[in-house]
Each structure stands twice: as C-alpha cells, then as structure tokens.
PDB file of all heavy atoms in Angstrom:
ATOM      1  N   SER A   1       0.797  -1.267   0.032  1.00  0.00           N
ATOM      2  CA  SER A   1      -0.043  -0.010   0.025  1.00  0.00           C
ATOM      3  C   SER A   1       0.853   1.267   0.067  1.00  0.00           C
ATOM      4  O   SER A   1       0.373   2.420  -0.107  1.00  0.00           O
ATOM      5  CB  SER A   1      -0.929   0.109   1.230  1.00  0.00           C
ATOM      6  OG  SER A   1      -0.152  -0.017   2.443  1.00  0.00           O
ATOM      7  N   SER A   2       2.199   1.146   0.120  1.00  0.00           N
ATOM      8  CA  SER A   2       2.958   2.309   0.084  1.00  0.00           C
ATOM      9  C   SER A   2       2.857   3.081  -1.200  1.00  0.00           C
ATOM     10  O   SER A   2       2.602   2.493  -2.244  1.00  0.00           O
ATOM     11  CB  SER A   2       4.443   1.859   0.219  1.00  0.00           C
ATOM     12  OG  SER A   2       5.264   2.931   0.094  1.00  0.00           O
ATOM     13  N   SER A   3       2.964   4.440  -1.104  1.00  0.00           N
ATOM     14  CA  SER A   3       2.868   5.188  -2.277  1.00  0.00           C
ATOM     15  C   SER A   3       4.006   5.058  -3.283  1.00  0.00           C
ATOM     16  O   SER A   3       3.970   5.470  -4.401  1.00  0.00           O
ATOM     17  CB  SER A   3       2.743   6.714  -1.902  1.00  0.00           C
ATOM     18  OG  SER A   3       3.858   7.120  -1.106  1.00  0.00           O
ATOM     19  N   ARG A   4       5.042   4.402  -2.789  1.00  0.00           N
ATOM     20  CA  ARG A   4       6.199   4.109  -3.614  1.00  0.00           C
ATOM     21  C   ARG A   4       6.315   2.495  -3.562  1.00  0.00           C
ATOM     22  O   ARG A   4       5.906   1.958  -2.614  1.00  0.00           O
ATOM     23  CB  ARG A   4       7.419   4.708  -3.177  1.00  0.00           C
ATOM     24  CG  ARG A   4       7.363   6.297  -3.299  1.00  0.00           C
ATOM     25  CD  ARG A   4       8.508   6.853  -2.511  1.00  0.00           C
ATOM     26  NE  ARG A   4       9.803   6.644  -3.152  1.00  0.00           N
ATOM     27  CZ  ARG A   4      10.911   7.073  -2.625  1.00  0.00           C
ATOM     28  NH1 ARG A   4      10.905   7.656  -1.567  1.00  0.00           N
ATOM     29  NH2 ARG A   4      12.016   6.820  -3.278  1.00  0.00           N
ATOM     30  N   PRO A   5       6.786   1.941  -4.602  1.00  0.00           N
ATOM     31  CA  PRO A   5       6.915   0.448  -4.615  1.00  0.00           C
ATOM     32  C   PRO A   5       7.612  -0.142  -3.436  1.00  0.00           C
ATOM     33  O   PRO A   5       8.653   0.473  -3.031  1.00  0.00           O
ATOM     34  CB  PRO A   5       7.497   0.183  -5.906  1.00  0.00           C
ATOM     35  CG  PRO A   5       7.928   1.452  -6.590  1.00  0.00           C
ATOM     36  CD  PRO A   5       7.460   2.511  -5.821  1.00  0.00           C
ATOM     37  N   GLY A   6       7.114  -1.242  -3.012  1.00  0.00           N
ATOM     38  CA  GLY A   6       7.887  -1.954  -1.897  1.00  0.00           C
ATOM     39  C   GLY A   6       7.023  -2.837  -1.165  1.00  0.00           C
ATOM     40  O   GLY A   6       5.886  -3.062  -1.466  1.00  0.00           O
ATOM     41  N   SER A   7       7.479  -3.403  -0.115  1.00  0.00           N
ATOM     42  CA  SER A   7       6.651  -4.348   0.779  1.00  0.00           C
ATOM     43  C   SER A   7       7.234  -4.256   2.089  1.00  0.00           C
ATOM     44  O   SER A   7       8.349  -3.771   2.362  1.00  0.00           O
ATOM     45  CB  SER A   7       6.744  -5.691   0.181  1.00  0.00           C
ATOM     46  OG  SER A   7       8.030  -6.323   0.273  1.00  0.00           O
ATOM     47  N   ILE A   8       6.590  -4.828   3.079  1.00  0.00           N
ATOM     48  CA  ILE A   8       7.133  -5.014   4.469  1.00  0.00           C
ATOM     49  C   ILE A   8       8.310  -6.000   4.311  1.00  0.00           C
ATOM     50  O   ILE A   8       8.133  -6.919   3.560  1.00  0.00           O
ATOM     51  CB  ILE A   8       6.096  -5.573   5.312  1.00  0.00           C
ATOM     52  CG1 ILE A   8       4.968  -4.490   5.707  1.00  0.00           C
ATOM     53  CG2 ILE A   8       6.644  -6.153   6.638  1.00  0.00           C
ATOM     54  CD1 ILE A   8       3.821  -4.982   6.573  1.00  0.00           C
ATOM     55  N   ILE A   9       9.334  -5.741   4.932  1.00  0.00           N
ATOM     56  CA  ILE A   9      10.484  -6.599   4.745  1.00  0.00           C
ATOM     57  C   ILE A   9      10.990  -7.088   6.105  1.00  0.00           C
ATOM     58  O   ILE A   9      11.062  -6.418   7.036  1.00  0.00           O
ATOM     59  CB  ILE A   9      11.565  -5.963   4.016  1.00  0.00           C
ATOM     60  CG1 ILE A   9      12.065  -4.634   4.653  1.00  0.00           C
ATOM     61  CG2 ILE A   9      11.246  -5.729   2.520  1.00  0.00           C
ATOM     62  CD1 ILE A   9      13.251  -3.996   3.942  1.00  0.00           C
ATOM     63  N   ASN A  10      11.305  -8.407   6.115  1.00  0.00           N
ATOM     64  CA  ASN A  10      12.025  -9.050   7.207  1.00  0.00           C
ATOM     65  C   ASN A  10      12.556 -10.346   6.683  1.00  0.00           C
ATOM     66  O   ASN A  10      11.804 -11.079   5.898  1.00  0.00           O
ATOM     67  CB  ASN A  10      10.997  -9.214   8.327  1.00  0.00           C
ATOM     68  CG  ASN A  10      11.679  -9.843   9.576  1.00  0.00           C
ATOM     69  OD1 ASN A  10      12.316  -9.134  10.354  1.00  0.00           O
ATOM     70  ND2 ASN A  10      11.496 -11.097   9.762  1.00  0.00           N
ATOM     71  N   GLY A  11      13.757 -10.690   7.041  1.00  0.00           N
ATOM     72  CA  GLY A  11      14.238 -11.953   6.518  1.00  0.00           C
ATOM     73  C   GLY A  11      15.561 -11.670   5.647  1.00  0.00           C
ATOM     74  O   GLY A  11      16.388 -10.860   6.132  1.00  0.00           O
ATOM     75  N   ILE A  12      15.713 -12.406   4.619  1.00  0.00           N
ATOM     76  CA  ILE A  12      16.869 -12.252   3.830  1.00  0.00           C
ATOM     77  C   ILE A  12      16.439 -11.974   2.343  1.00  0.00           C
ATOM     78  O   ILE A  12      15.284 -12.160   1.999  1.00  0.00           O
ATOM     79  CB  ILE A  12      17.710 -13.530   3.807  1.00  0.00           C
ATOM     80  CG1 ILE A  12      16.842 -14.800   3.354  1.00  0.00           C
ATOM     81  CG2 ILE A  12      18.218 -13.803   5.188  1.00  0.00           C
ATOM     82  CD1 ILE A  12      17.700 -16.029   3.194  1.00  0.00           C
ATOM     83  N   PRO A  13      17.409 -11.394   1.602  1.00  0.00           N
ATOM     84  CA  PRO A  13      17.042 -10.927   0.219  1.00  0.00           C
ATOM     85  C   PRO A  13      16.535 -12.165  -0.595  1.00  0.00           C
ATOM     86  O   PRO A  13      16.998 -13.318  -0.439  1.00  0.00           O
ATOM     87  CB  PRO A  13      18.372 -10.429  -0.370  1.00  0.00           C
ATOM     88  CG  PRO A  13      19.181 -10.070   0.822  1.00  0.00           C
ATOM     89  CD  PRO A  13      18.808 -11.025   1.898  1.00  0.00           C
ATOM     90  N   ASP A  14      15.601 -11.952  -1.485  1.00  0.00           N
ATOM     91  CA  ASP A  14      15.056 -12.851  -2.391  1.00  0.00           C
ATOM     92  C   ASP A  14      15.923 -12.764  -3.647  1.00  0.00           C
ATOM     93  O   ASP A  14      15.630 -11.860  -4.502  1.00  0.00           O
ATOM     94  CB  ASP A  14      13.558 -12.668  -2.621  1.00  0.00           C
ATOM     95  CG  ASP A  14      12.984 -13.612  -3.636  1.00  0.00           C
ATOM     96  OD1 ASP A  14      13.687 -14.638  -3.916  1.00  0.00           O
ATOM     97  OD2 ASP A  14      11.861 -13.294  -4.090  1.00  0.00           O
ATOM     98  N   GLY A  15      16.851 -13.746  -3.949  1.00  0.00           N
ATOM     99  CA  GLY A  15      17.706 -13.546  -5.074  1.00  0.00           C
ATOM    100  C   GLY A  15      18.652 -12.401  -4.899  1.00  0.00           C
ATOM    101  O   GLY A  15      19.306 -12.106  -3.872  1.00  0.00           O
ATOM    102  N   ASP A  16      18.724 -11.617  -5.934  1.00  0.00           N
ATOM    103  CA  ASP A  16      19.548 -10.326  -5.954  1.00  0.00           C
ATOM    104  C   ASP A  16      18.724  -9.166  -5.543  1.00  0.00           C
ATOM    105  O   ASP A  16      19.283  -8.077  -5.515  1.00  0.00           O
ATOM    106  CB  ASP A  16      20.166 -10.105  -7.324  1.00  0.00           C
ATOM    107  CG  ASP A  16      21.050 -11.187  -7.739  1.00  0.00           C
ATOM    108  OD1 ASP A  16      21.727 -11.814  -6.786  1.00  0.00           O
ATOM    109  OD2 ASP A  16      21.211 -11.548  -8.920  1.00  0.00           O
ATOM    110  N   GLU A  17      17.483  -9.316  -5.183  1.00  0.00           N
ATOM    111  CA  GLU A  17      16.623  -8.162  -4.807  1.00  0.00           C
ATOM    112  C   GLU A  17      16.553  -8.029  -3.358  1.00  0.00           C
ATOM    113  O   GLU A  17      16.757  -8.897  -2.570  1.00  0.00           O
ATOM    114  CB  GLU A  17      15.275  -8.349  -5.494  1.00  0.00           C
ATOM    115  CG  GLU A  17      15.270  -8.519  -6.950  1.00  0.00           C
ATOM    116  CD  GLU A  17      15.817  -7.198  -7.726  1.00  0.00           C
ATOM    117  OE1 GLU A  17      15.544  -6.101  -7.199  1.00  0.00           O
ATOM    118  OE2 GLU A  17      16.424  -7.318  -8.722  1.00  0.00           O
ATOM    119  N   PHE A  18      16.137  -6.795  -2.863  1.00  0.00           N
ATOM    120  CA  PHE A  18      15.933  -6.504  -1.556  1.00  0.00           C
ATOM    121  C   PHE A  18      14.411  -6.543  -1.291  1.00  0.00           C
ATOM    122  O   PHE A  18      13.968  -5.695  -0.413  1.00  0.00           O
ATOM    123  CB  PHE A  18      16.544  -5.225  -1.044  1.00  0.00           C
ATOM    124  CG  PHE A  18      18.063  -5.419  -0.693  1.00  0.00           C
ATOM    125  CD1 PHE A  18      19.030  -5.370  -1.681  1.00  0.00           C
ATOM    126  CD2 PHE A  18      18.413  -5.837   0.536  1.00  0.00           C
ATOM    127  CE1 PHE A  18      20.305  -5.602  -1.347  1.00  0.00           C
ATOM    128  CE2 PHE A  18      19.777  -5.998   0.897  1.00  0.00           C
ATOM    129  CZ  PHE A  18      20.681  -5.881  -0.076  1.00  0.00           C
ATOM    130  N   ASN A  19      13.666  -7.252  -1.965  1.00  0.00           N
ATOM    131  CA  ASN A  19      12.214  -7.430  -1.663  1.00  0.00           C
ATOM    132  C   ASN A  19      12.089  -8.591  -0.734  1.00  0.00           C
ATOM    133  O   ASN A  19      12.009  -9.742  -1.235  1.00  0.00           O
ATOM    134  CB  ASN A  19      11.474  -7.644  -3.034  1.00  0.00           C
ATOM    135  CG  ASN A  19       9.992  -7.526  -2.752  1.00  0.00           C
ATOM    136  OD1 ASN A  19       9.596  -6.949  -1.849  1.00  0.00           O
ATOM    137  ND2 ASN A  19       9.204  -8.091  -3.672  1.00  0.00           N
ATOM    138  N   LEU A  20      12.122  -8.415   0.547  1.00  0.00           N
ATOM    139  CA  LEU A  20      12.234  -9.468   1.520  1.00  0.00           C
ATOM    140  C   LEU A  20      10.995 -10.065   1.985  1.00  0.00           C
ATOM    141  O   LEU A  20      10.018  -9.220   2.316  1.00  0.00           O
ATOM    142  CB  LEU A  20      13.176  -8.936   2.713  1.00  0.00           C
ATOM    143  CG  LEU A  20      14.488  -8.313   2.224  1.00  0.00           C
ATOM    144  CD1 LEU A  20      15.348  -7.938   3.406  1.00  0.00           C
ATOM    145  CD2 LEU A  20      15.272  -9.278   1.305  1.00  0.00           C
ATOM    146  N   ASN A  21      10.977 -11.263   2.238  1.00  0.00           N
ATOM    147  CA  ASN A  21       9.700 -11.941   2.836  1.00  0.00           C
ATOM    148  C   ASN A  21       9.907 -11.981   4.341  1.00  0.00           C
ATOM    149  O   ASN A  21      10.941 -12.142   4.886  1.00  0.00           O
ATOM    150  CB  ASN A  21       9.604 -13.351   2.315  1.00  0.00           C
ATOM    151  CG  ASN A  21       8.948 -13.432   0.963  1.00  0.00           C
ATOM    152  OD1 ASN A  21       7.961 -12.507   0.746  1.00  0.00           O
ATOM    153  ND2 ASN A  21       9.338 -14.243   0.072  1.00  0.00           N
ATOM    154  N   ALA A  22       8.708 -11.858   5.011  1.00  0.00           N
ATOM    155  CA  ALA A  22       8.698 -12.059   6.510  1.00  0.00           C
ATOM    156  C   ALA A  22       8.410 -13.541   6.747  1.00  0.00           C
ATOM    157  O   ALA A  22       7.358 -14.075   6.362  1.00  0.00           O
ATOM    158  CB  ALA A  22       7.576 -11.142   7.004  1.00  0.00           C
ATOM    159  N   GLN A  23       9.457 -14.201   7.297  1.00  0.00           N
ATOM    160  CA  GLN A  23       9.309 -15.605   7.494  1.00  0.00           C
ATOM    161  C   GLN A  23      10.017 -16.056   8.782  1.00  0.00           C
ATOM    162  O   GLN A  23      11.038 -15.467   9.132  1.00  0.00           O
ATOM    163  CB  GLN A  23       9.874 -16.429   6.420  1.00  0.00           C
ATOM    164  CG  GLN A  23       9.074 -16.456   5.096  1.00  0.00           C
ATOM    165  CD  GLN A  23       9.748 -17.298   4.040  1.00  0.00           C
ATOM    166  OE1 GLN A  23      10.921 -17.494   4.120  1.00  0.00           O
ATOM    167  NE2 GLN A  23       8.844 -17.691   3.129  1.00  0.00           N
ATOM    168  N   TRP A  24       9.343 -16.956   9.626  1.00  0.00           N
ATOM    169  CA  TRP A  24      10.062 -17.578  10.786  1.00  0.00           C
ATOM    170  C   TRP A  24      11.059 -18.582  10.250  1.00  0.00           C
ATOM    171  O   TRP A  24      10.862 -19.268   9.258  1.00  0.00           O
ATOM    172  CB  TRP A  24       9.020 -18.221  11.682  1.00  0.00           C
ATOM    173  CG  TRP A  24       8.176 -17.246  12.387  1.00  0.00           C
ATOM    174  CD1 TRP A  24       6.832 -17.177  12.248  1.00  0.00           C
ATOM    175  CD2 TRP A  24       8.553 -16.362  13.460  1.00  0.00           C
ATOM    176  NE1 TRP A  24       6.237 -16.164  12.964  1.00  0.00           N
ATOM    177  CE2 TRP A  24       7.359 -15.653  13.825  1.00  0.00           C
ATOM    178  CE3 TRP A  24       9.771 -16.008  14.050  1.00  0.00           C
ATOM    179  CZ2 TRP A  24       7.358 -14.670  14.779  1.00  0.00           C
ATOM    180  CZ3 TRP A  24       9.748 -14.912  14.893  1.00  0.00           C
ATOM    181  CH2 TRP A  24       8.624 -14.288  15.365  1.00  0.00           C
ATOM    182  N   LYS A  25      12.140 -18.774  10.965  1.00  0.00           N
ATOM    183  CA  LYS A  25      13.203 -19.666  10.713  1.00  0.00           C
ATOM    184  C   LYS A  25      13.462 -20.518  11.921  1.00  0.00           C
ATOM    185  O   LYS A  25      13.383 -19.914  12.969  1.00  0.00           O
ATOM    186  CB  LYS A  25      14.401 -19.004  10.136  1.00  0.00           C
ATOM    187  CG  LYS A  25      14.251 -18.189   8.857  1.00  0.00           C
ATOM    188  CD  LYS A  25      13.874 -19.045   7.720  1.00  0.00           C
ATOM    189  CE  LYS A  25      13.761 -18.208   6.447  1.00  0.00           C
ATOM    190  NZ  LYS A  25      13.372 -18.998   5.223  1.00  0.00           N
ATOM    191  N   ASP A  26      13.943 -21.762  11.739  1.00  0.00           N
ATOM    192  CA  ASP A  26      14.404 -22.589  12.835  1.00  0.00           C
ATOM    193  C   ASP A  26      15.431 -21.861  13.725  1.00  0.00           C
ATOM    194  O   ASP A  26      16.428 -21.185  13.210  1.00  0.00           O
ATOM    195  CB  ASP A  26      14.974 -23.916  12.371  1.00  0.00           C
ATOM    196  CG  ASP A  26      13.920 -24.735  11.836  1.00  0.00           C
ATOM    197  OD1 ASP A  26      12.753 -24.688  12.164  1.00  0.00           O
ATOM    198  OD2 ASP A  26      14.247 -25.580  10.889  1.00  0.00           O
ATOM    199  N   GLY A  27      15.243 -21.893  15.068  1.00  0.00           N
ATOM    200  CA  GLY A  27      16.206 -21.202  15.882  1.00  0.00           C
ATOM    201  C   GLY A  27      15.923 -19.772  16.235  1.00  0.00           C
ATOM    202  O   GLY A  27      16.502 -19.314  17.159  1.00  0.00           O
ATOM    203  N   ASP A  28      14.882 -19.229  15.679  1.00  0.00           N
ATOM    204  CA  ASP A  28      14.453 -17.814  15.936  1.00  0.00           C
ATOM    205  C   ASP A  28      14.031 -17.819  17.541  1.00  0.00           C
ATOM    206  O   ASP A  28      13.290 -18.713  17.913  1.00  0.00           O
ATOM    207  CB  ASP A  28      13.306 -17.360  15.129  1.00  0.00           C
ATOM    208  CG  ASP A  28      13.734 -17.102  13.716  1.00  0.00           C
ATOM    209  OD1 ASP A  28      14.925 -17.080  13.534  1.00  0.00           O
ATOM    210  OD2 ASP A  28      12.862 -16.815  12.921  1.00  0.00           O
ATOM    211  N   LYS A  29      14.418 -16.735  18.145  1.00  0.00           N
ATOM    212  CA  LYS A  29      14.070 -16.631  19.541  1.00  0.00           C
ATOM    213  C   LYS A  29      13.296 -15.336  19.865  1.00  0.00           C
ATOM    214  O   LYS A  29      13.463 -14.353  19.106  1.00  0.00           O
ATOM    215  CB  LYS A  29      15.352 -16.666  20.387  1.00  0.00           C
ATOM    216  CG  LYS A  29      16.098 -17.963  20.338  1.00  0.00           C
ATOM    217  CD  LYS A  29      17.349 -17.947  21.212  1.00  0.00           C
ATOM    218  CE  LYS A  29      18.161 -19.210  20.992  1.00  0.00           C
ATOM    219  NZ  LYS A  29      17.397 -20.503  21.383  1.00  0.00           N
ATOM    220  N   ILE A  30      12.498 -15.438  20.871  1.00  0.00           N
ATOM    221  CA  ILE A  30      11.641 -14.265  21.190  1.00  0.00           C
ATOM    222  C   ILE A  30      11.795 -13.981  22.705  1.00  0.00           C
ATOM    223  O   ILE A  30      11.670 -14.828  23.462  1.00  0.00           O
ATOM    224  CB  ILE A  30      10.082 -14.587  20.993  1.00  0.00           C
ATOM    225  CG1 ILE A  30       9.944 -15.057  19.500  1.00  0.00           C
ATOM    226  CG2 ILE A  30       9.256 -13.443  21.295  1.00  0.00           C
ATOM    227  CD1 ILE A  30       8.561 -15.522  19.260  1.00  0.00           C
ATOM    228  N   GLN A  31      12.099 -12.805  22.879  1.00  0.00           N
ATOM    229  CA  GLN A  31      12.212 -12.318  24.347  1.00  0.00           C
ATOM    230  C   GLN A  31      10.822 -11.958  24.801  1.00  0.00           C
ATOM    231  O   GLN A  31      10.058 -11.219  24.156  1.00  0.00           O
ATOM    232  CB  GLN A  31      13.181 -11.039  24.478  1.00  0.00           C
ATOM    233  CG  GLN A  31      14.633 -11.458  24.196  1.00  0.00           C
ATOM    234  CD  GLN A  31      15.473 -10.164  24.288  1.00  0.00           C
ATOM    235  OE1 GLN A  31      15.650  -9.461  23.336  1.00  0.00           O
ATOM    236  NE2 GLN A  31      16.082  -9.860  25.369  1.00  0.00           N
TER     237      GLN A  31
END
C-alpha cells in the first residue's frame, strides 16, 4: 500500500533483490 513500490520486509534477500519476505526460521528466539 506504500505510495512508492515496496513491501514489508523481514528476513533475507530474495535472489539479488531486496524485496524481502517475512518468515520464521528454525532457531528464532523471542524475548
């Protein structure tokens, strides 16, 4: 919904792009 192209990002780059997916990974910890 941003007025400029993009997305919420969390995680690691998808290929060579910085359009990042939000995903849980094994070993993630929460305080």
